[in-house]
Amino acid sequence: MESINNIASLLNIGPAWIALAIIWTLLWKGFALWRAAGLRQKYWFIAILLVNTLGILEIIYLFLVSRNYRVEVVEKIEE
């Protein structure tokens, strides 16, 4: 909690805004990482994991990029 207060005083904003930004980012990052893993998109997963843009990259990925892909499950039938 002290680190949030230090960042808030450095940026001259309230600590609640910092906490809200952290929660916002984690939610979008979690959804985007889940989708990238489910679609087996390794490069998007790495980019989303490493780049922090307050959810902007994650939102772009979720609503623009990942909608164009589908995972097809193929079951092998052994005889």
C-alpha atoms as a PDB file:
ATOM      1  CA  MET A   1       0.000   0.000   0.000  1.00  0.00           C
ATOM      2  CA  GLU A   2       2.920   2.307   0.689  1.00  0.00           C
ATOM      3  CA  SER A   3       4.149   1.949  -2.892  1.00  0.00           C
ATOM      4  CA  ILE A   4       0.747   3.063  -4.212  1.00  0.00           C
ATOM      5  CA  ASN A   5       0.919   6.107  -1.960  1.00  0.00           C
ATOM      6  CA  ASN A   6       4.460   6.866  -3.179  1.00  0.00           C
ATOM      7  CA  ILE A   7       3.418   6.634  -6.831  1.00  0.00           C
ATOM      8  CA  ALA A   8       0.306   8.730  -6.164  1.00  0.00           C
ATOM      9  CA  SER A   9       2.298  11.482  -4.486  1.00  0.00           C
ATOM     10  CA  LEU A  10       4.871  11.387  -7.295  1.00  0.00           C
ATOM     11  CA  LEU A  11       2.127  11.793  -9.924  1.00  0.00           C
ATOM     12  CA  ASN A  12       0.130  14.194  -7.737  1.00  0.00           C
ATOM     13  CA  ILE A  13      -3.087  12.132  -7.931  1.00  0.00           C
ATOM     14  CA  GLY A  14      -5.078  10.183  -5.376  1.00  0.00           C
ATOM     15  CA  PRO A  15      -4.036   6.627  -4.451  1.00  0.00           C
ATOM     16  CA  ALA A  16      -7.522   5.388  -5.329  1.00  0.00           C
ATOM     17  CA  TRP A  17      -6.851   6.290  -8.993  1.00  0.00           C
ATOM     18  CA  ILE A  18      -3.646   4.247  -8.963  1.00  0.00           C
ATOM     19  CA  ALA A  19      -5.457   1.263  -7.432  1.00  0.00           C
ATOM     20  CA  LEU A  20      -8.269   1.622  -9.986  1.00  0.00           C
ATOM     21  CA  ALA A  21      -5.743   1.719 -12.860  1.00  0.00           C
ATOM     22  CA  ILE A  22      -4.076  -1.444 -11.545  1.00  0.00           C
ATOM     23  CA  ILE A  23      -7.383  -3.301 -11.289  1.00  0.00           C
ATOM     24  CA  TRP A  24      -8.477  -2.059 -14.759  1.00  0.00           C
ATOM     25  CA  THR A  25      -5.216  -3.219 -16.314  1.00  0.00           C
ATOM     26  CA  LEU A  26      -5.218  -6.618 -14.608  1.00  0.00           C
ATOM     27  CA  LEU A  27      -8.790  -7.380 -15.671  1.00  0.00           C
ATOM     28  CA  TRP A  28      -8.198  -6.574 -19.357  1.00  0.00           C
ATOM     29  CA  LYS A  29      -4.803  -8.282 -19.343  1.00  0.00           C
ATOM     30  CA  GLY A  30      -6.328 -11.416 -17.827  1.00  0.00           C
ATOM     31  CA  PHE A  31      -9.112 -11.607 -20.421  1.00  0.00           C
ATOM     32  CA  ALA A  32      -6.712 -10.973 -23.306  1.00  0.00           C
ATOM     33  CA  LEU A  33      -4.155 -13.526 -22.080  1.00  0.00           C
ATOM     34  CA  TRP A  34      -6.911 -16.108 -21.637  1.00  0.00           C
ATOM     35  CA  ARG A  35      -8.141 -15.552 -25.204  1.00  0.00           C
ATOM     36  CA  ALA A  36      -4.613 -15.567 -26.702  1.00  0.00           C
ATOM     37  CA  ALA A  37      -3.807 -18.815 -24.912  1.00  0.00           C
ATOM     38  CA  GLY A  38      -7.081 -20.384 -26.005  1.00  0.00           C
ATOM     39  CA  LEU A  39      -6.430 -19.423 -29.617  1.00  0.00           C
ATOM     40  CA  ARG A  40      -2.818 -20.623 -29.316  1.00  0.00           C
ATOM     41  CA  GLN A  41      -1.446 -17.260 -30.431  1.00  0.00           C
ATOM     42  CA  LYS A  42       2.008 -17.341 -28.871  1.00  0.00           C
ATOM     43  CA  TYR A  43       3.246 -13.971 -30.143  1.00  0.00           C
ATOM     44  CA  TRP A  44       0.139 -12.086 -29.040  1.00  0.00           C
ATOM     45  CA  PHE A  45       0.364 -13.777 -25.627  1.00  0.00           C
ATOM     46  CA  ILE A  46       3.964 -12.626 -25.178  1.00  0.00           C
ATOM     47  CA  ALA A  47       3.196  -9.083 -26.391  1.00  0.00           C
ATOM     48  CA  ILE A  48       0.199  -8.716 -24.084  1.00  0.00           C
ATOM     49  CA  LEU A  49       2.151 -10.142 -21.168  1.00  0.00           C
ATOM     50  CA  LEU A  50       5.112  -7.785 -21.588  1.00  0.00           C
ATOM     51  CA  VAL A  51       3.575  -4.527 -22.838  1.00  0.00           C
ATOM     52  CA  ASN A  52       1.674  -2.408 -20.318  1.00  0.00           C
ATOM     53  CA  THR A  53      -0.672   0.113 -21.943  1.00  0.00           C
ATOM     54  CA  LEU A  54      -3.407   0.462 -19.297  1.00  0.00           C
ATOM     55  CA  GLY A  55      -5.550  -2.006 -21.187  1.00  0.00           C
ATOM     56  CA  ILE A  56      -5.391  -0.357 -24.618  1.00  0.00           C
ATOM     57  CA  LEU A  57      -3.462  -3.163 -26.353  1.00  0.00           C
ATOM     58  CA  GLU A  58      -5.615  -5.758 -24.622  1.00  0.00           C
ATOM     59  CA  ILE A  59      -8.866  -4.101 -25.715  1.00  0.00           C
ATOM     60  CA  ILE A  60      -7.619  -3.815 -29.303  1.00  0.00           C
ATOM     61  CA  TYR A  61      -6.656  -7.488 -29.263  1.00  0.00           C
ATOM     62  CA  LEU A  62      -9.959  -8.648 -27.765  1.00  0.00           C
ATOM     63  CA  PHE A  63     -12.325  -6.604 -29.907  1.00  0.00           C
ATOM     64  CA  LEU A  64     -10.463  -6.297 -33.211  1.00  0.00           C
ATOM     65  CA  VAL A  65      -7.870  -9.037 -33.648  1.00  0.00           C
ATOM     66  CA  SER A  66      -9.077 -12.146 -31.854  1.00  0.00           C
ATOM     67  CA  ARG A  67     -12.605 -12.024 -33.296  1.00  0.00           C
ATOM     68  CA  ASN A  68     -11.178 -13.120 -36.654  1.00  0.00           C
ATOM     69  CA  TYR A  69      -9.860 -16.426 -35.298  1.00  0.00           C
ATOM     70  CA  ARG A  70     -11.508 -19.655 -34.224  1.00  0.00           C
ATOM     71  CA  VAL A  71     -10.026 -22.795 -32.729  1.00  0.00           C
ATOM     72  CA  GLU A  72     -11.122 -25.988 -34.372  1.00  0.00           C
ATOM     73  CA  VAL A  73     -11.063 -29.122 -32.238  1.00  0.00           C
ATOM     74  CA  VAL A  74     -10.327 -32.283 -34.191  1.00  0.00           C
ATOM     75  CA  GLU A  75     -10.790 -35.613 -32.460  1.00  0.00           C
ATOM     76  CA  LYS A  76      -8.888 -38.647 -33.630  1.00  0.00           C
ATOM     77  CA  ILE A  77     -10.902 -41.799 -33.876  1.00  0.00           C
ATOM     78  CA  GLU A  78      -8.760 -44.868 -33.386  1.00  0.00           C
ATOM     79  CA  GLU A  79      -9.994 -48.081 -34.866  1.00  0.00           C
END
